[in-house]
């Protein structure tokens, strides 16, 4: 009988000293706003027509410069 009483006391003490409750963990949510500056390439902003027109302008300018050089070299 004494052993049963000691066993019940140990089991009771174990239940009383341990908690079944959830432990509350406090978390903080931090939101940080950051502004980012991005350099954009002008070619990326242009459409296909603008890019094509620039290429054709370069080619035409080169041809015109060649013709001007030919005319100027008549010395």
N, C-alpha and C. Protein backbone atom coordinates (compact mmCIF):
# COMPACT_ATOMS: atom_id res chain seq x y z
N UNK A 1 0.82 -1.19 0.00
CA UNK A 1 0.00 0.00 0.00
C UNK A 1 0.87 1.25 0.00
N UNK A 2 1.95 1.15 0.74
CA UNK A 2 2.86 2.28 0.82
C UNK A 2 3.47 2.54 -0.57
N UNK A 3 3.79 1.48 -1.31
CA UNK A 3 4.38 1.62 -2.65
C UNK A 3 3.39 2.27 -3.61
N UNK A 4 2.13 1.91 -3.49
CA UNK A 4 1.10 2.49 -4.37
C UNK A 4 0.94 3.97 -4.07
N UNK A 5 0.95 4.33 -2.79
CA UNK A 5 0.82 5.73 -2.41
C UNK A 5 2.01 6.54 -2.92
N UNK A 6 3.20 5.98 -2.83
CA UNK A 6 4.40 6.68 -3.32
C UNK A 6 4.32 6.81 -4.85
N UNK A 7 3.87 5.79 -5.53
CA UNK A 7 3.75 5.84 -6.99
C UNK A 7 2.73 6.88 -7.41
N UNK A 8 1.59 6.93 -6.72
CA UNK A 8 0.56 7.93 -7.03
C UNK A 8 1.09 9.34 -6.76
N UNK A 9 1.84 9.50 -5.68
CA UNK A 9 2.41 10.80 -5.35
C UNK A 9 3.41 11.23 -6.42
N UNK A 10 4.24 10.31 -6.90
CA UNK A 10 5.21 10.63 -7.94
C UNK A 10 4.52 11.00 -9.25
N UNK A 11 3.49 10.22 -9.59
CA UNK A 11 2.76 10.51 -10.83
C UNK A 11 2.04 11.85 -10.71
N UNK A 12 1.44 12.12 -9.55
CA UNK A 12 0.76 13.39 -9.33
C UNK A 12 1.73 14.57 -9.37
N UNK A 13 2.89 14.39 -8.75
CA UNK A 13 3.90 15.45 -8.75
C UNK A 13 4.40 15.71 -10.16
N UNK A 14 4.52 14.65 -10.94
CA UNK A 14 4.97 14.80 -12.32
C UNK A 14 3.95 15.59 -13.13
N UNK A 15 2.68 15.28 -12.97
CA UNK A 15 1.64 16.01 -13.70
C UNK A 15 1.53 17.46 -13.24
N UNK A 16 1.74 17.70 -11.97
CA UNK A 16 1.62 19.06 -11.46
C UNK A 16 2.81 19.94 -11.87
N UNK A 17 3.96 19.35 -11.99
CA UNK A 17 5.14 20.16 -12.31
C UNK A 17 5.35 20.37 -13.81
N UNK A 18 4.82 19.49 -14.62
CA UNK A 18 4.95 19.68 -16.07
C UNK A 18 3.69 20.32 -16.60
N UNK A 19 3.87 21.21 -17.56
CA UNK A 19 2.74 21.95 -18.10
C UNK A 19 2.37 21.40 -19.47
N UNK A 20 1.09 21.31 -19.71
CA UNK A 20 0.60 20.85 -21.00
C UNK A 20 0.24 22.02 -21.90
N UNK A 21 0.40 23.20 -21.40
CA UNK A 21 0.03 24.39 -22.18
C UNK A 21 1.06 24.65 -23.27
N UNK A 22 0.57 25.30 -24.31
CA UNK A 22 1.48 25.69 -25.39
C UNK A 22 2.28 26.89 -24.93
N UNK A 23 3.53 26.86 -25.27
CA UNK A 23 4.35 28.01 -24.94
C UNK A 23 4.17 29.06 -26.04
N UNK A 24 3.92 30.26 -25.62
CA UNK A 24 3.69 31.33 -26.59
C UNK A 24 5.05 31.91 -27.00
N UNK A 25 5.25 31.89 -28.28
CA UNK A 25 6.47 32.50 -28.79
C UNK A 25 6.06 33.77 -29.54
N UNK A 26 6.62 34.86 -29.14
CA UNK A 26 6.28 36.12 -29.78
C UNK A 26 7.24 36.35 -30.93
N UNK A 27 6.64 36.58 -32.09
CA UNK A 27 7.45 36.88 -33.26
C UNK A 27 7.09 38.27 -33.74
N UNK A 28 8.08 38.95 -34.24
CA UNK A 28 7.85 40.28 -34.79
C UNK A 28 8.07 40.21 -36.28
N UNK A 29 7.13 40.77 -37.01
CA UNK A 29 7.26 40.80 -38.45
C UNK A 29 7.76 42.17 -38.85
N UNK A 30 8.90 42.19 -39.49
CA UNK A 30 9.52 43.45 -39.88
C UNK A 30 9.41 43.59 -41.39
N UNK A 31 8.84 44.69 -41.81
CA UNK A 31 8.71 44.97 -43.24
C UNK A 31 9.60 46.16 -43.54
N UNK A 32 10.47 45.97 -44.49
CA UNK A 32 11.40 47.03 -44.84
C UNK A 32 11.19 47.39 -46.31
N UNK A 33 10.92 48.66 -46.56
CA UNK A 33 10.73 49.11 -47.92
C UNK A 33 12.04 49.69 -48.43
N UNK A 34 12.43 49.25 -49.62
CA UNK A 34 13.68 49.69 -50.20
C UNK A 34 13.41 50.17 -51.62
N UNK A 35 13.91 51.37 -51.94
CA UNK A 35 13.78 51.87 -53.30
C UNK A 35 15.05 51.52 -54.06
N UNK A 36 14.87 50.97 -55.23
CA UNK A 36 16.00 50.56 -56.04
C UNK A 36 15.96 51.33 -57.35
N UNK A 37 17.09 51.96 -57.68
CA UNK A 37 17.18 52.65 -58.95
C UNK A 37 17.86 51.73 -59.95
N UNK A 38 17.23 51.58 -61.08
CA UNK A 38 17.75 50.71 -62.11
C UNK A 38 18.03 51.53 -63.35
N UNK A 39 19.24 51.40 -63.87
CA UNK A 39 19.56 52.10 -65.11
C UNK A 39 19.00 51.29 -66.27
N UNK A 40 18.23 51.96 -67.09
CA UNK A 40 17.66 51.28 -68.24
C UNK A 40 18.42 51.66 -69.49
N UNK A 41 18.59 50.72 -70.33
CA UNK A 41 19.25 50.95 -71.60
C UNK A 41 18.22 51.51 -72.57
N UNK A 42 18.59 52.55 -73.30
CA UNK A 42 17.65 53.16 -74.24
C UNK A 42 17.23 52.18 -75.32
N UNK A 43 18.13 51.31 -75.70
CA UNK A 43 17.80 50.33 -76.74
C UNK A 43 16.73 49.36 -76.26
N UNK A 44 16.73 49.08 -74.97
CA UNK A 44 15.74 48.14 -74.45
C UNK A 44 14.35 48.78 -74.41
N UNK A 45 14.31 50.11 -74.28
CA UNK A 45 13.02 50.79 -74.21
C UNK A 45 12.40 50.98 -75.60
N UNK A 46 13.24 51.02 -76.62
CA UNK A 46 12.74 51.24 -77.97
C UNK A 46 12.07 49.98 -78.50
N UNK A 47 11.17 50.21 -79.43
CA UNK A 47 10.53 49.08 -80.08
C UNK A 47 11.39 48.61 -81.23
N UNK A 48 10.92 47.60 -81.93
CA UNK A 48 11.70 47.02 -83.02
C UNK A 48 11.84 48.00 -84.17
N UNK A 49 10.82 48.82 -84.41
CA UNK A 49 10.91 49.79 -85.50
C UNK A 49 11.97 50.84 -85.22
N UNK A 50 12.04 51.31 -83.97
CA UNK A 50 13.04 52.31 -83.62
C UNK A 50 14.45 51.75 -83.74
N UNK A 51 14.64 50.52 -83.27
CA UNK A 51 15.97 49.91 -83.36
C UNK A 51 16.38 49.70 -84.81
N UNK A 52 15.44 49.25 -85.66
CA UNK A 52 15.73 49.03 -87.07
C UNK A 52 16.06 50.36 -87.75
N UNK A 53 15.30 51.40 -87.41
CA UNK A 53 15.55 52.72 -88.01
C UNK A 53 16.93 53.23 -87.62
N UNK A 54 17.36 53.01 -86.39
CA UNK A 54 18.69 53.45 -85.97
C UNK A 54 19.78 52.72 -86.75
N UNK A 55 19.61 51.41 -86.96
CA UNK A 55 20.59 50.65 -87.73
C UNK A 55 20.67 51.15 -89.16
N UNK A 56 19.52 51.41 -89.77
CA UNK A 56 19.50 51.90 -91.16
C UNK A 56 20.13 53.28 -91.21
N UNK A 57 19.86 54.14 -90.23
CA UNK A 57 20.48 55.46 -90.18
C UNK A 57 21.99 55.35 -90.11
N UNK A 58 22.50 54.42 -89.32
CA UNK A 58 23.94 54.24 -89.22
C UNK A 58 24.53 53.84 -90.57
N UNK A 59 23.86 52.89 -91.24
CA UNK A 59 24.36 52.42 -92.53
C UNK A 59 24.33 53.54 -93.57
N UNK A 60 23.26 54.29 -93.60
CA UNK A 60 23.14 55.39 -94.56
C UNK A 60 24.18 56.45 -94.26
N UNK A 61 24.38 56.78 -92.99
CA UNK A 61 25.38 57.77 -92.63
C UNK A 61 26.78 57.33 -93.04
N UNK A 62 27.08 56.05 -92.90
CA UNK A 62 28.39 55.54 -93.33
C UNK A 62 28.56 55.67 -94.84
N UNK A 63 27.51 55.33 -95.59
CA UNK A 63 27.58 55.45 -97.05
C UNK A 63 27.74 56.91 -97.46
N UNK A 64 27.02 57.81 -96.82
CA UNK A 64 27.12 59.24 -97.14
C UNK A 64 28.53 59.73 -96.82
N UNK A 65 29.08 59.33 -95.70
CA UNK A 65 30.43 59.74 -95.33
C UNK A 65 31.46 59.23 -96.34
N UNK A 66 31.27 58.00 -96.83
CA UNK A 66 32.18 57.45 -97.84
C UNK A 66 32.11 58.27 -99.12
N UNK A 67 30.91 58.63 -99.54
CA UNK A 67 30.74 59.43 -100.76
C UNK A 67 31.36 60.81 -100.59
N UNK A 68 31.20 61.40 -99.43
CA UNK A 68 31.80 62.72 -99.17
C UNK A 68 33.32 62.61 -99.20
N UNK A 69 33.86 61.54 -98.65
CA UNK A 69 35.30 61.33 -98.68
C UNK A 69 35.80 61.17 -100.12
N UNK A 70 35.04 60.46 -100.96
CA UNK A 70 35.43 60.27 -102.38
C UNK A 70 35.44 61.61 -103.11
N UNK A 71 34.42 62.41 -102.87
CA UNK A 71 34.32 63.71 -103.53
C UNK A 71 35.45 64.64 -103.04
N UNK A 72 35.72 64.60 -101.76
CA UNK A 72 36.73 65.47 -101.19
C UNK A 72 38.15 65.07 -101.57
N UNK A 73 38.38 63.86 -102.07
CA UNK A 73 39.72 63.38 -102.39
C UNK A 73 40.07 63.62 -103.87
N UNK A 74 39.42 64.53 -104.56
CA UNK A 74 39.69 64.80 -105.97
C UNK A 74 40.91 65.70 -106.18
N UNK A 75 41.63 66.02 -105.17
CA UNK A 75 42.77 66.95 -105.27
C UNK A 75 43.73 66.54 -106.29
